[in-house]
Amino acid sequence: MEKKFTTKEMAMCGLFAALVACGAFIQIPVPGMDYFTLQFLFVLMAGLLLGSRNGAIAVGIYVLLGLIGLPIFAAGGGITYVLRPSFGYLFGFIVAAFVTGKIAEKIGKNQFLWYLPAVAGGFVTTYAIGLVYKYFMLNFYVGEKTAFTMVILDCFPLDMPGDILLSLLSALLAVRLVPVVRKMMYSHRAHARQKAR
């Protein structure tokens, strides 16, 4: 039976859509290099805290709002954003939130080490989709012949290492936040079961 989509869940999905949007503009400068953002952190947290379905919905709302024209992507918004080589990462975020949440749900343990496979799954999913999309867009749309190894190397020394750190941070935060968020979102179901007895 399909679970009912509650008002609290809708509110949390909206909140995390906003957090993912804000994360794109929270820029952390790295001396001698560029900067990285906290967006990926909120994508992983959406999956860990909201679960696979709601996490994917939250990130999907963010991507949809950007595609219809709201300037919430790093370089603006609009449907033509799908033609950017980097758009694959945005699509990857949706799948990553689902994968992260699903793995965490399957494991079902609120411990740092047990969250690591979940965030690793989200990390691999994001980069697998993002890198392949970027490779095909550069080579077959933009017309820039680029080896796949160069596409991967372009993620260093900042993007991949930075997102690995954010993955570890998300697993650490989840240990504290998951029980609080789940209690807040689903306490009404426990009360309903108690009344039914």
C-alpha atoms as a PDB file:
ATOM      1  CA  MET A   1       0.000   0.000   0.000  1.00  0.00           C
ATOM      2  CA  GLU A   2       1.304   3.441  -0.950  1.00  0.00           C
ATOM      3  CA  LYS A   3       2.023   5.631   2.052  1.00  0.00           C
ATOM      4  CA  LYS A   4      -0.034   8.792   2.332  1.00  0.00           C
ATOM      5  CA  PHE A   5       1.872  12.004   1.619  1.00  0.00           C
ATOM      6  CA  THR A   6       1.305  14.017   4.801  1.00  0.00           C
ATOM      7  CA  THR A   7       1.322  17.772   5.356  1.00  0.00           C
ATOM      8  CA  LYS A   8       4.501  17.485   7.436  1.00  0.00           C
ATOM      9  CA  GLU A   9       6.222  15.579   4.660  1.00  0.00           C
ATOM     10  CA  MET A  10       5.177  18.186   2.094  1.00  0.00           C
ATOM     11  CA  ALA A  11       6.524  20.939   4.343  1.00  0.00           C
ATOM     12  CA  MET A  12       9.840  19.140   4.818  1.00  0.00           C
ATOM     13  CA  CYS A  13      10.157  18.542   1.075  1.00  0.00           C
ATOM     14  CA  GLY A  14       9.617  22.255   0.490  1.00  0.00           C
ATOM     15  CA  LEU A  15      12.143  23.125   3.183  1.00  0.00           C
ATOM     16  CA  PHE A  16      14.829  20.892   1.698  1.00  0.00           C
ATOM     17  CA  ALA A  17      14.138  22.142  -1.812  1.00  0.00           C
ATOM     18  CA  ALA A  18      14.883  25.619  -0.433  1.00  0.00           C
ATOM     19  CA  LEU A  19      17.996  24.382   1.384  1.00  0.00           C
ATOM     20  CA  VAL A  20      19.374  22.757  -1.779  1.00  0.00           C
ATOM     21  CA  ALA A  21      18.727  26.029  -3.623  1.00  0.00           C
ATOM     22  CA  CYS A  22      20.468  28.068  -0.918  1.00  0.00           C
ATOM     23  CA  GLY A  23      23.329  25.572  -0.834  1.00  0.00           C
ATOM     24  CA  ALA A  24      24.248  26.485  -4.402  1.00  0.00           C
ATOM     25  CA  PHE A  25      25.042  30.003  -3.202  1.00  0.00           C
ATOM     26  CA  ILE A  26      26.809  29.162   0.066  1.00  0.00           C
ATOM     27  CA  GLN A  27      30.346  29.380  -1.237  1.00  0.00           C
ATOM     28  CA  ILE A  28      33.347  28.270   0.804  1.00  0.00           C
ATOM     29  CA  PRO A  29      36.587  29.727  -0.585  1.00  0.00           C
ATOM     30  CA  VAL A  30      39.654  27.507  -0.748  1.00  0.00           C
ATOM     31  CA  PRO A  31      43.003  29.365  -0.621  1.00  0.00           C
ATOM     32  CA  GLY A  32      44.948  29.082  -3.855  1.00  0.00           C
ATOM     33  CA  MET A  33      41.992  27.554  -5.694  1.00  0.00           C
ATOM     34  CA  ASP A  34      38.348  28.431  -6.252  1.00  0.00           C
ATOM     35  CA  TYR A  35      35.440  27.660  -3.935  1.00  0.00           C
ATOM     36  CA  PHE A  36      32.983  24.842  -3.356  1.00  0.00           C
ATOM     37  CA  THR A  37      29.371  25.022  -2.238  1.00  0.00           C
ATOM     38  CA  LEU A  38      27.288  23.179   0.354  1.00  0.00           C
ATOM     39  CA  GLN A  39      24.661  22.073  -2.157  1.00  0.00           C
ATOM     40  CA  PHE A  40      25.716  18.430  -2.220  1.00  0.00           C
ATOM     41  CA  LEU A  41      25.515  18.320   1.581  1.00  0.00           C
ATOM     42  CA  PHE A  42      21.828  19.248   1.481  1.00  0.00           C
ATOM     43  CA  VAL A  43      21.161  16.737  -1.298  1.00  0.00           C
ATOM     44  CA  LEU A  44      22.558  13.921   0.843  1.00  0.00           C
ATOM     45  CA  MET A  45      20.778  15.194   3.950  1.00  0.00           C
ATOM     46  CA  ALA A  46      17.487  15.193   2.035  1.00  0.00           C
ATOM     47  CA  GLY A  47      17.912  11.481   1.356  1.00  0.00           C
ATOM     48  CA  LEU A  48      19.095  10.638   4.865  1.00  0.00           C
ATOM     49  CA  LEU A  49      16.523  12.679   6.779  1.00  0.00           C
ATOM     50  CA  LEU A  50      13.476  12.476   4.530  1.00  0.00           C
ATOM     51  CA  GLY A  51      13.986   9.022   3.083  1.00  0.00           C
ATOM     52  CA  SER A  52      14.291   7.865  -0.517  1.00  0.00           C
ATOM     53  CA  ARG A  53      10.899   8.990  -1.826  1.00  0.00           C
ATOM     54  CA  ASN A  54      10.648  12.341  -0.069  1.00  0.00           C
ATOM     55  CA  GLY A  55      14.333  13.121  -0.543  1.00  0.00           C
ATOM     56  CA  ALA A  56      14.034  12.634  -4.296  1.00  0.00           C
ATOM     57  CA  ILE A  57      10.835  14.706  -4.349  1.00  0.00           C
ATOM     58  CA  ALA A  58      12.521  17.555  -2.473  1.00  0.00           C
ATOM     59  CA  VAL A  59      15.497  17.709  -4.831  1.00  0.00           C
ATOM     60  CA  GLY A  60      13.187  17.182  -7.812  1.00  0.00           C
ATOM     61  CA  ILE A  61      11.161  20.231  -6.772  1.00  0.00           C
ATOM     62  CA  TYR A  62      14.356  22.294  -6.706  1.00  0.00           C
ATOM     63  CA  VAL A  63      15.395  21.143 -10.186  1.00  0.00           C
ATOM     64  CA  LEU A  64      11.889  21.653 -11.587  1.00  0.00           C
ATOM     65  CA  LEU A  65      11.660  25.198 -10.209  1.00  0.00           C
ATOM     66  CA  GLY A  66      15.017  26.008 -11.762  1.00  0.00           C
ATOM     67  CA  LEU A  67      13.984  24.600 -15.132  1.00  0.00           C
ATOM     68  CA  ILE A  68      10.783  26.661 -15.248  1.00  0.00           C
ATOM     69  CA  GLY A  69      12.861  29.787 -14.882  1.00  0.00           C
ATOM     70  CA  LEU A  70      13.588  30.610 -11.246  1.00  0.00           C
ATOM     71  CA  PRO A  71      17.256  31.713 -10.971  1.00  0.00           C
ATOM     72  CA  ILE A  72      18.156  29.136  -8.338  1.00  0.00           C
ATOM     73  CA  PHE A  73      20.842  27.242 -10.227  1.00  0.00           C
ATOM     74  CA  ALA A  74      24.449  28.333  -9.874  1.00  0.00           C
ATOM     75  CA  ALA A  75      24.279  30.144 -13.232  1.00  0.00           C
ATOM     76  CA  GLY A  76      20.608  31.111 -13.352  1.00  0.00           C
ATOM     77  CA  GLY A  77      17.712  28.952 -14.518  1.00  0.00           C
ATOM     78  CA  GLY A  78      15.437  28.057 -17.416  1.00  0.00           C
ATOM     79  CA  ILE A  79      14.748  25.022 -19.580  1.00  0.00           C
ATOM     80  CA  THR A  80      17.858  25.662 -21.696  1.00  0.00           C
ATOM     81  CA  TYR A  81      19.903  24.690 -18.632  1.00  0.00           C
ATOM     82  CA  VAL A  82      19.549  21.080 -19.809  1.00  0.00           C
ATOM     83  CA  LEU A  83      21.943  21.969 -22.623  1.00  0.00           C
ATOM     84  CA  ARG A  84      24.700  22.870 -20.188  1.00  0.00           C
ATOM     85  CA  PRO A  85      27.312  20.127 -19.728  1.00  0.00           C
ATOM     86  CA  SER A  86      26.952  20.496 -15.959  1.00  0.00           C
ATOM     87  CA  PHE A  87      23.198  19.779 -15.922  1.00  0.00           C
ATOM     88  CA  GLY A  88      23.860  16.077 -15.460  1.00  0.00           C
ATOM     89  CA  TYR A  89      24.913  16.777 -11.891  1.00  0.00           C
ATOM     90  CA  LEU A  90      21.544  18.395 -11.153  1.00  0.00           C
ATOM     91  CA  PHE A  91      19.698  15.380 -12.512  1.00  0.00           C
ATOM     92  CA  GLY A  92      22.158  13.198 -10.623  1.00  0.00           C
ATOM     93  CA  PHE A  93      21.209  14.982  -7.403  1.00  0.00           C
ATOM     94  CA  ILE A  94      17.633  13.712  -7.688  1.00  0.00           C
ATOM     95  CA  VAL A  95      18.741  10.120  -8.174  1.00  0.00           C
ATOM     96  CA  ALA A  96      21.433  10.494  -5.502  1.00  0.00           C
ATOM     97  CA  ALA A  97      18.895  11.624  -2.891  1.00  0.00           C
ATOM     98  CA  PHE A  98      16.796   8.554  -3.695  1.00  0.00           C
ATOM     99  CA  VAL A  99      19.755   6.156  -3.629  1.00  0.00           C
ATOM    100  CA  THR A 100      21.120   7.629  -0.388  1.00  0.00           C
ATOM    101  CA  GLY A 101      17.747   7.360   1.299  1.00  0.00           C
ATOM    102  CA  LYS A 102      17.074   3.859   0.005  1.00  0.00           C
ATOM    103  CA  ILE A 103      20.402   2.469   1.211  1.00  0.00           C
ATOM    104  CA  ALA A 104      19.947   4.119   4.609  1.00  0.00           C
ATOM    105  CA  GLU A 105      16.439   2.643   4.838  1.00  0.00           C
ATOM    106  CA  LYS A 106      17.687  -0.836   3.964  1.00  0.00           C
ATOM    107  CA  ILE A 107      20.457  -0.696   6.578  1.00  0.00           C
ATOM    108  CA  GLY A 108      18.220   0.910   9.183  1.00  0.00           C
ATOM    109  CA  LYS A 109      20.931   1.738  11.731  1.00  0.00           C
ATOM    110  CA  ASN A 110      21.498   5.223  13.129  1.00  0.00           C
ATOM    111  CA  GLN A 111      25.291   5.031  13.289  1.00  0.00           C
ATOM    112  CA  PHE A 112      27.991   6.980  11.478  1.00  0.00           C
ATOM    113  CA  LEU A 113      29.678   3.920   9.947  1.00  0.00           C
ATOM    114  CA  TRP A 114      26.351   2.558   8.695  1.00  0.00           C
ATOM    115  CA  TYR A 115      25.512   5.853   6.997  1.00  0.00           C
ATOM    116  CA  LEU A 116      28.751   5.758   5.014  1.00  0.00           C
ATOM    117  CA  PRO A 117      27.487   3.230   2.410  1.00  0.00           C
ATOM    118  CA  ALA A 118      24.417   5.414   1.891  1.00  0.00           C
ATOM    119  CA  VAL A 119      26.342   8.634   1.278  1.00  0.00           C
ATOM    120  CA  ALA A 120      28.902   6.753  -0.811  1.00  0.00           C
ATOM    121  CA  GLY A 121      26.028   5.525  -2.967  1.00  0.00           C
ATOM    122  CA  GLY A 122      24.805   9.098  -3.379  1.00  0.00           C
ATOM    123  CA  PHE A 123      28.309  10.303  -4.231  1.00  0.00           C
ATOM    124  CA  VAL A 124      28.912   7.608  -6.852  1.00  0.00           C
ATOM    125  CA  THR A 125      25.454   8.134  -8.363  1.00  0.00           C
ATOM    126  CA  THR A 126      25.931  11.895  -8.678  1.00  0.00           C
ATOM    127  CA  TYR A 127      29.307  11.648 -10.361  1.00  0.00           C
ATOM    128  CA  ALA A 128      28.404   8.681 -12.559  1.00  0.00           C
ATOM    129  CA  ILE A 129      25.459  10.593 -14.038  1.00  0.00           C
ATOM    130  CA  GLY A 130      27.181  13.984 -14.008  1.00  0.00           C
ATOM    131  CA  LEU A 131      30.399  12.847 -15.665  1.00  0.00           C
ATOM    132  CA  VAL A 132      28.708  10.793 -18.398  1.00  0.00           C
ATOM    133  CA  TYR A 133      26.279  13.623 -19.190  1.00  0.00           C
ATOM    134  CA  LYS A 134      29.109  16.154 -19.324  1.00  0.00           C
ATOM    135  CA  TYR A 135      31.188  13.919 -21.585  1.00  0.00           C
ATOM    136  CA  PHE A 136      28.390  13.431 -24.102  1.00  0.00           C
ATOM    137  CA  MET A 137      27.356  17.097 -24.073  1.00  0.00           C
ATOM    138  CA  LEU A 138      30.918  18.311 -24.617  1.00  0.00           C
ATOM    139  CA  ASN A 139      31.639  15.837 -27.394  1.00  0.00           C
ATOM    140  CA  PHE A 140      28.317  15.623 -29.224  1.00  0.00           C
ATOM    141  CA  TYR A 141      26.569  18.942 -28.537  1.00  0.00           C
ATOM    142  CA  VAL A 142      29.181  21.582 -27.765  1.00  0.00           C
ATOM    143  CA  GLY A 143      31.593  20.028 -30.241  1.00  0.00           C
ATOM    144  CA  GLU A 144      34.614  20.024 -27.934  1.00  0.00           C
ATOM    145  CA  LYS A 145      36.392  16.711 -28.311  1.00  0.00           C
ATOM    146  CA  THR A 146      37.219  15.794 -24.727  1.00  0.00           C
ATOM    147  CA  ALA A 147      38.533  12.495 -23.390  1.00  0.00           C
ATOM    148  CA  PHE A 148      36.562  10.991 -20.531  1.00  0.00           C
ATOM    149  CA  THR A 149      39.694  10.987 -18.387  1.00  0.00           C
ATOM    150  CA  MET A 150      39.920  14.763 -18.800  1.00  0.00           C
ATOM    151  CA  VAL A 151      36.298  15.114 -17.702  1.00  0.00           C
ATOM    152  CA  ILE A 152      37.186  13.184 -14.544  1.00  0.00           C
ATOM    153  CA  LEU A 153      40.386  15.145 -13.927  1.00  0.00           C
ATOM    154  CA  ASP A 154      38.392  18.366 -14.163  1.00  0.00           C
ATOM    155  CA  CYS A 155      36.789  17.350 -10.840  1.00  0.00           C
ATOM    156  CA  PHE A 156      40.150  17.751  -9.093  1.00  0.00           C
ATOM    157  CA  PRO A 157      41.606  19.125  -6.924  1.00  0.00           C
ATOM    158  CA  LEU A 158      38.418  20.645  -5.524  1.00  0.00           C
ATOM    159  CA  ASP A 159      35.060  19.168  -6.553  1.00  0.00           C
ATOM    160  CA  MET A 160      35.421  15.466  -5.762  1.00  0.00           C
ATOM    161  CA  PRO A 161      37.551  15.879  -2.616  1.00  0.00           C
ATOM    162  CA  GLY A 162      35.193  18.603  -1.402  1.00  0.00           C
ATOM    163  CA  ASP A 163      32.137  16.421  -1.960  1.00  0.00           C
ATOM    164  CA  ILE A 164      33.822  13.524  -0.173  1.00  0.00           C
ATOM    165  CA  LEU A 165      34.238  15.771   2.861  1.00  0.00           C
ATOM    166  CA  LEU A 166      30.594  16.825   2.590  1.00  0.00           C
ATOM    167  CA  SER A 167      29.602  13.155   2.400  1.00  0.00           C
ATOM    168  CA  LEU A 168      31.416  12.435   5.661  1.00  0.00           C
ATOM    169  CA  LEU A 169      29.861  15.504   7.262  1.00  0.00           C
ATOM    170  CA  SER A 170      26.361  14.444   6.181  1.00  0.00           C
ATOM    171  CA  ALA A 171      26.830  10.998   7.754  1.00  0.00           C
ATOM    172  CA  LEU A 172      28.007  12.643  10.967  1.00  0.00           C
ATOM    173  CA  LEU A 173      25.079  15.065  11.071  1.00  0.00           C
ATOM    174  CA  ALA A 174      22.586  12.321  10.280  1.00  0.00           C
ATOM    175  CA  VAL A 175      23.364  10.501  13.515  1.00  0.00           C
ATOM    176  CA  ARG A 176      22.045  13.505  15.471  1.00  0.00           C
ATOM    177  CA  LEU A 177      19.344  14.747  13.120  1.00  0.00           C
ATOM    178  CA  VAL A 178      17.636  11.613  11.788  1.00  0.00           C
ATOM    179  CA  PRO A 179      15.975  10.644  15.108  1.00  0.00           C
ATOM    180  CA  VAL A 180      14.766  14.220  15.650  1.00  0.00           C
ATOM    181  CA  VAL A 181      13.352  14.659  12.140  1.00  0.00           C
ATOM    182  CA  ARG A 182      11.733  11.221  12.000  1.00  0.00           C
ATOM    183  CA  LYS A 183      10.090  11.761  15.384  1.00  0.00           C
ATOM    184  CA  MET A 184       8.764  15.138  14.271  1.00  0.00           C
ATOM    185  CA  MET A 185       7.465  13.857  10.925  1.00  0.00           C
ATOM    186  CA  TYR A 186       5.973  10.540  11.962  1.00  0.00           C
ATOM    187  CA  SER A 187       4.932  10.966  15.604  1.00  0.00           C
ATOM    188  CA  HIS A 188       1.289  11.299  14.503  1.00  0.00           C
ATOM    189  CA  ARG A 189       1.375   7.767  13.072  1.00  0.00           C
ATOM    190  CA  ALA A 190       2.515   6.369  16.431  1.00  0.00           C
ATOM    191  CA  HIS A 191      -0.313   8.225  18.170  1.00  0.00           C
ATOM    192  CA  ALA A 192      -2.811   6.893  15.662  1.00  0.00           C
ATOM    193  CA  ARG A 193      -1.664   3.320  16.236  1.00  0.00           C
ATOM    194  CA  GLN A 194      -1.930   3.754  19.990  1.00  0.00           C
ATOM    195  CA  LYS A 195      -5.515   5.079  19.705  1.00  0.00           C
ATOM    196  CA  ALA A 196      -6.442   2.159  17.483  1.00  0.00           C
ATOM    197  CA  ARG A 197      -5.454  -0.348  20.161  1.00  0.00           C
END
